[in-house]
Amino acid sequence: MMQKTNLLNLEEVILYKMAKQKACKHCRRIYEGDKCPNCDSKESTDSFKGRIVVLNSEKSELAKNLKISSKGEYAVKN
């Protein structure tokens, strides 16, 4: 039988994983938290369309077209 504390810890993990993602209004980086890890801006939106994952910004034509210079997950339109 599971202890009550284990259930509470599991609920905390589930809630953490379900945190709302948002996109930075300046660099379009998708993140969770208070500020953008890419540009430190606190201006964000939770309404964005499409997302891309950039693994190597130097070799990616799409990253060049969207002016993305570092790896990460980005909104296509915000």
N, C-alpha and C. Protein backbone atom coordinates (compact mmCIF):
# COMPACT_ATOMS: atom_id res chain seq x y z
N MET A 1 0.84 -1.18 0.00
CA MET A 1 0.00 0.00 0.00
C MET A 1 0.89 1.25 0.00
N MET A 2 0.54 2.24 -0.82
CA MET A 2 1.34 3.47 -0.93
C MET A 2 1.06 4.39 0.24
N GLN A 3 2.09 5.07 0.66
CA GLN A 3 1.91 6.05 1.71
C GLN A 3 1.33 7.33 1.12
N LYS A 4 0.65 8.08 1.96
CA LYS A 4 0.04 9.33 1.50
C LYS A 4 1.08 10.32 0.97
N THR A 5 2.25 10.37 1.58
CA THR A 5 3.28 11.30 1.12
C THR A 5 3.74 10.97 -0.29
N ASN A 6 3.80 9.69 -0.65
CA ASN A 6 4.17 9.31 -2.01
C ASN A 6 3.13 9.79 -3.00
N LEU A 7 1.86 9.70 -2.67
CA LEU A 7 0.82 10.18 -3.56
C LEU A 7 0.91 11.68 -3.75
N LEU A 8 1.20 12.41 -2.68
CA LEU A 8 1.33 13.85 -2.81
C LEU A 8 2.51 14.21 -3.70
N ASN A 9 3.62 13.51 -3.57
CA ASN A 9 4.77 13.77 -4.41
C ASN A 9 4.45 13.49 -5.87
N LEU A 10 3.73 12.43 -6.15
CA LEU A 10 3.34 12.10 -7.51
C LEU A 10 2.44 13.18 -8.08
N GLU A 11 1.49 13.68 -7.29
CA GLU A 11 0.61 14.75 -7.74
C GLU A 11 1.41 16.02 -8.04
N GLU A 12 2.41 16.33 -7.23
CA GLU A 12 3.25 17.50 -7.47
C GLU A 12 4.00 17.36 -8.78
N VAL A 13 4.52 16.18 -9.06
CA VAL A 13 5.25 15.94 -10.31
C VAL A 13 4.32 16.10 -11.49
N ILE A 14 3.12 15.55 -11.41
CA ILE A 14 2.16 15.67 -12.51
C ILE A 14 1.80 17.12 -12.75
N LEU A 15 1.54 17.88 -11.69
CA LEU A 15 1.21 19.30 -11.85
C LEU A 15 2.38 20.07 -12.45
N TYR A 16 3.60 19.74 -12.06
CA TYR A 16 4.77 20.41 -12.60
C TYR A 16 4.88 20.15 -14.10
N LYS A 17 4.67 18.91 -14.52
CA LYS A 17 4.77 18.55 -15.93
C LYS A 17 3.66 19.20 -16.76
N MET A 18 2.54 19.55 -16.13
CA MET A 18 1.42 20.12 -16.86
C MET A 18 1.48 21.66 -16.88
N ALA A 19 2.57 22.24 -16.45
CA ALA A 19 2.69 23.69 -16.42
C ALA A 19 2.50 24.24 -17.84
N LYS A 20 1.86 25.38 -17.92
CA LYS A 20 1.55 26.00 -19.20
C LYS A 20 2.82 26.54 -19.85
N GLN A 21 3.04 26.15 -21.08
CA GLN A 21 4.17 26.68 -21.82
C GLN A 21 3.78 28.01 -22.44
N LYS A 22 4.75 28.90 -22.59
CA LYS A 22 4.51 30.19 -23.20
C LYS A 22 5.67 30.52 -24.13
N ALA A 23 5.41 31.47 -25.02
CA ALA A 23 6.44 31.88 -25.98
C ALA A 23 6.85 33.31 -25.69
N CYS A 24 8.14 33.55 -25.76
CA CYS A 24 8.69 34.89 -25.54
C CYS A 24 8.25 35.80 -26.70
N LYS A 25 7.81 36.98 -26.38
CA LYS A 25 7.39 37.92 -27.42
C LYS A 25 8.56 38.51 -28.19
N HIS A 26 9.77 38.41 -27.64
CA HIS A 26 10.94 38.99 -28.31
C HIS A 26 11.67 37.98 -29.19
N CYS A 27 11.96 36.81 -28.65
CA CYS A 27 12.76 35.83 -29.43
C CYS A 27 11.97 34.58 -29.81
N ARG A 28 10.73 34.44 -29.37
CA ARG A 28 9.82 33.33 -29.68
C ARG A 28 10.20 32.01 -29.03
N ARG A 29 11.13 32.00 -28.10
CA ARG A 29 11.52 30.77 -27.40
C ARG A 29 10.36 30.28 -26.55
N ILE A 30 10.06 29.00 -26.58
CA ILE A 30 9.00 28.41 -25.77
C ILE A 30 9.62 27.94 -24.46
N TYR A 31 8.98 28.30 -23.36
CA TYR A 31 9.53 27.97 -22.05
C TYR A 31 8.45 27.93 -20.99
N GLU A 32 8.81 27.46 -19.81
CA GLU A 32 7.96 27.49 -18.62
C GLU A 32 8.71 28.29 -17.57
N GLY A 33 8.02 29.06 -16.80
CA GLY A 33 8.69 29.83 -15.76
C GLY A 33 8.38 31.31 -15.86
N ASP A 34 9.17 32.11 -15.15
CA ASP A 34 8.92 33.54 -15.05
C ASP A 34 9.53 34.36 -16.18
N LYS A 35 10.70 33.93 -16.68
CA LYS A 35 11.34 34.72 -17.73
C LYS A 35 11.98 33.80 -18.76
N CYS A 36 12.19 34.34 -19.92
CA CYS A 36 12.76 33.59 -21.04
C CYS A 36 14.20 33.20 -20.73
N PRO A 37 14.55 31.93 -20.89
CA PRO A 37 15.93 31.52 -20.63
C PRO A 37 16.89 31.96 -21.73
N ASN A 38 16.34 32.41 -22.85
CA ASN A 38 17.17 32.80 -23.98
C ASN A 38 17.55 34.28 -23.93
N CYS A 39 16.58 35.16 -23.63
CA CYS A 39 16.85 36.60 -23.66
C CYS A 39 16.49 37.32 -22.36
N ASP A 40 16.04 36.59 -21.35
CA ASP A 40 15.68 37.12 -20.02
C ASP A 40 14.47 38.06 -20.03
N SER A 41 13.71 38.09 -21.11
CA SER A 41 12.50 38.93 -21.17
C SER A 41 11.39 38.29 -20.33
N LYS A 42 10.56 39.12 -19.75
CA LYS A 42 9.39 38.63 -19.01
C LYS A 42 8.11 38.80 -19.81
N GLU A 43 8.23 39.33 -21.04
CA GLU A 43 7.06 39.50 -21.90
C GLU A 43 6.83 38.21 -22.68
N SER A 44 5.65 37.62 -22.48
CA SER A 44 5.36 36.34 -23.13
C SER A 44 3.89 36.24 -23.50
N THR A 45 3.58 35.22 -24.26
CA THR A 45 2.20 34.92 -24.62
C THR A 45 1.99 33.42 -24.54
N ASP A 46 0.80 33.02 -24.12
CA ASP A 46 0.50 31.59 -24.11
C ASP A 46 -0.31 31.20 -25.35
N SER A 47 -0.48 32.15 -26.24
CA SER A 47 -1.20 31.92 -27.49
C SER A 47 -0.21 32.01 -28.65
N PHE A 48 0.24 30.87 -29.11
CA PHE A 48 1.16 30.84 -30.25
C PHE A 48 0.79 29.70 -31.17
N LYS A 49 1.22 29.80 -32.42
CA LYS A 49 0.89 28.78 -33.42
C LYS A 49 2.16 28.13 -33.94
N GLY A 50 2.16 26.83 -33.93
CA GLY A 50 3.28 26.06 -34.46
C GLY A 50 4.50 26.14 -33.59
N ARG A 51 5.32 25.14 -33.69
CA ARG A 51 6.57 25.12 -32.95
C ARG A 51 7.60 24.34 -33.74
N ILE A 52 8.84 24.75 -33.59
CA ILE A 52 9.95 24.03 -34.20
C ILE A 52 11.00 23.78 -33.12
N VAL A 53 11.74 22.72 -33.30
CA VAL A 53 12.85 22.43 -32.40
C VAL A 53 14.12 22.58 -33.21
N VAL A 54 14.97 23.49 -32.77
CA VAL A 54 16.24 23.75 -33.45
C VAL A 54 17.35 23.02 -32.69
N LEU A 55 18.03 22.13 -33.39
CA LEU A 55 19.12 21.39 -32.78
C LEU A 55 20.48 21.99 -33.13
N ASN A 56 20.60 22.51 -34.34
CA ASN A 56 21.84 23.13 -34.77
C ASN A 56 21.49 24.36 -35.59
N SER A 57 21.51 25.52 -34.97
CA SER A 57 21.07 26.74 -35.63
C SER A 57 21.99 27.16 -36.77
N GLU A 58 23.24 26.74 -36.73
CA GLU A 58 24.19 27.12 -37.79
C GLU A 58 23.93 26.39 -39.09
N LYS A 59 23.41 25.17 -39.01
CA LYS A 59 23.17 24.37 -40.21
C LYS A 59 21.71 24.40 -40.66
N SER A 60 20.83 24.95 -39.86
CA SER A 60 19.40 24.91 -40.17
C SER A 60 18.98 26.11 -41.02
N GLU A 61 18.46 25.83 -42.20
CA GLU A 61 17.95 26.89 -43.07
C GLU A 61 16.73 27.56 -42.45
N LEU A 62 15.89 26.76 -41.81
CA LEU A 62 14.69 27.30 -41.17
C LEU A 62 15.07 28.24 -40.02
N ALA A 63 16.05 27.87 -39.24
CA ALA A 63 16.52 28.74 -38.15
C ALA A 63 17.07 30.04 -38.71
N LYS A 64 17.79 29.98 -39.80
CA LYS A 64 18.31 31.20 -40.43
C LYS A 64 17.18 32.09 -40.91
N ASN A 65 16.17 31.50 -41.55
CA ASN A 65 15.02 32.28 -42.04
C ASN A 65 14.24 32.92 -40.91
N LEU A 66 14.15 32.24 -39.76
CA LEU A 66 13.42 32.78 -38.61
C LEU A 66 14.33 33.60 -37.67
N LYS A 67 15.59 33.75 -38.05
CA LYS A 67 16.57 34.52 -37.26
C LYS A 67 16.75 33.95 -35.85
N ILE A 68 16.90 32.63 -35.78
CA ILE A 68 17.12 31.93 -34.52
C ILE A 68 18.59 31.55 -34.45
N SER A 69 19.25 31.95 -33.38
CA SER A 69 20.70 31.74 -33.30
C SER A 69 21.13 30.71 -32.25
N SER A 70 20.20 30.14 -31.50
CA SER A 70 20.59 29.13 -30.51
C SER A 70 19.58 27.99 -30.51
N LYS A 71 20.04 26.81 -30.06
CA LYS A 71 19.16 25.65 -30.08
C LYS A 71 18.05 25.81 -29.05
N GLY A 72 16.93 25.13 -29.28
CA GLY A 72 15.81 25.17 -28.37
C GLY A 72 14.49 25.01 -29.11
N GLU A 73 13.41 25.18 -28.40
CA GLU A 73 12.07 25.06 -28.96
C GLU A 73 11.49 26.46 -29.15
N TYR A 74 10.99 26.75 -30.34
CA TYR A 74 10.53 28.09 -30.68
C TYR A 74 9.14 28.06 -31.30
N ALA A 75 8.38 29.13 -31.06
CA ALA A 75 7.08 29.30 -31.69
C ALA A 75 7.30 29.82 -33.10
N VAL A 76 6.52 29.32 -34.04
CA VAL A 76 6.62 29.81 -35.42
C VAL A 76 5.95 31.17 -35.53
N LYS A 77 4.80 31.32 -34.86
CA LYS A 77 4.07 32.58 -34.89
C LYS A 77 3.50 32.84 -33.49
N ASN A 78 3.73 34.04 -32.97
CA ASN A 78 3.15 34.38 -31.67
C ASN A 78 2.45 35.71 -31.72
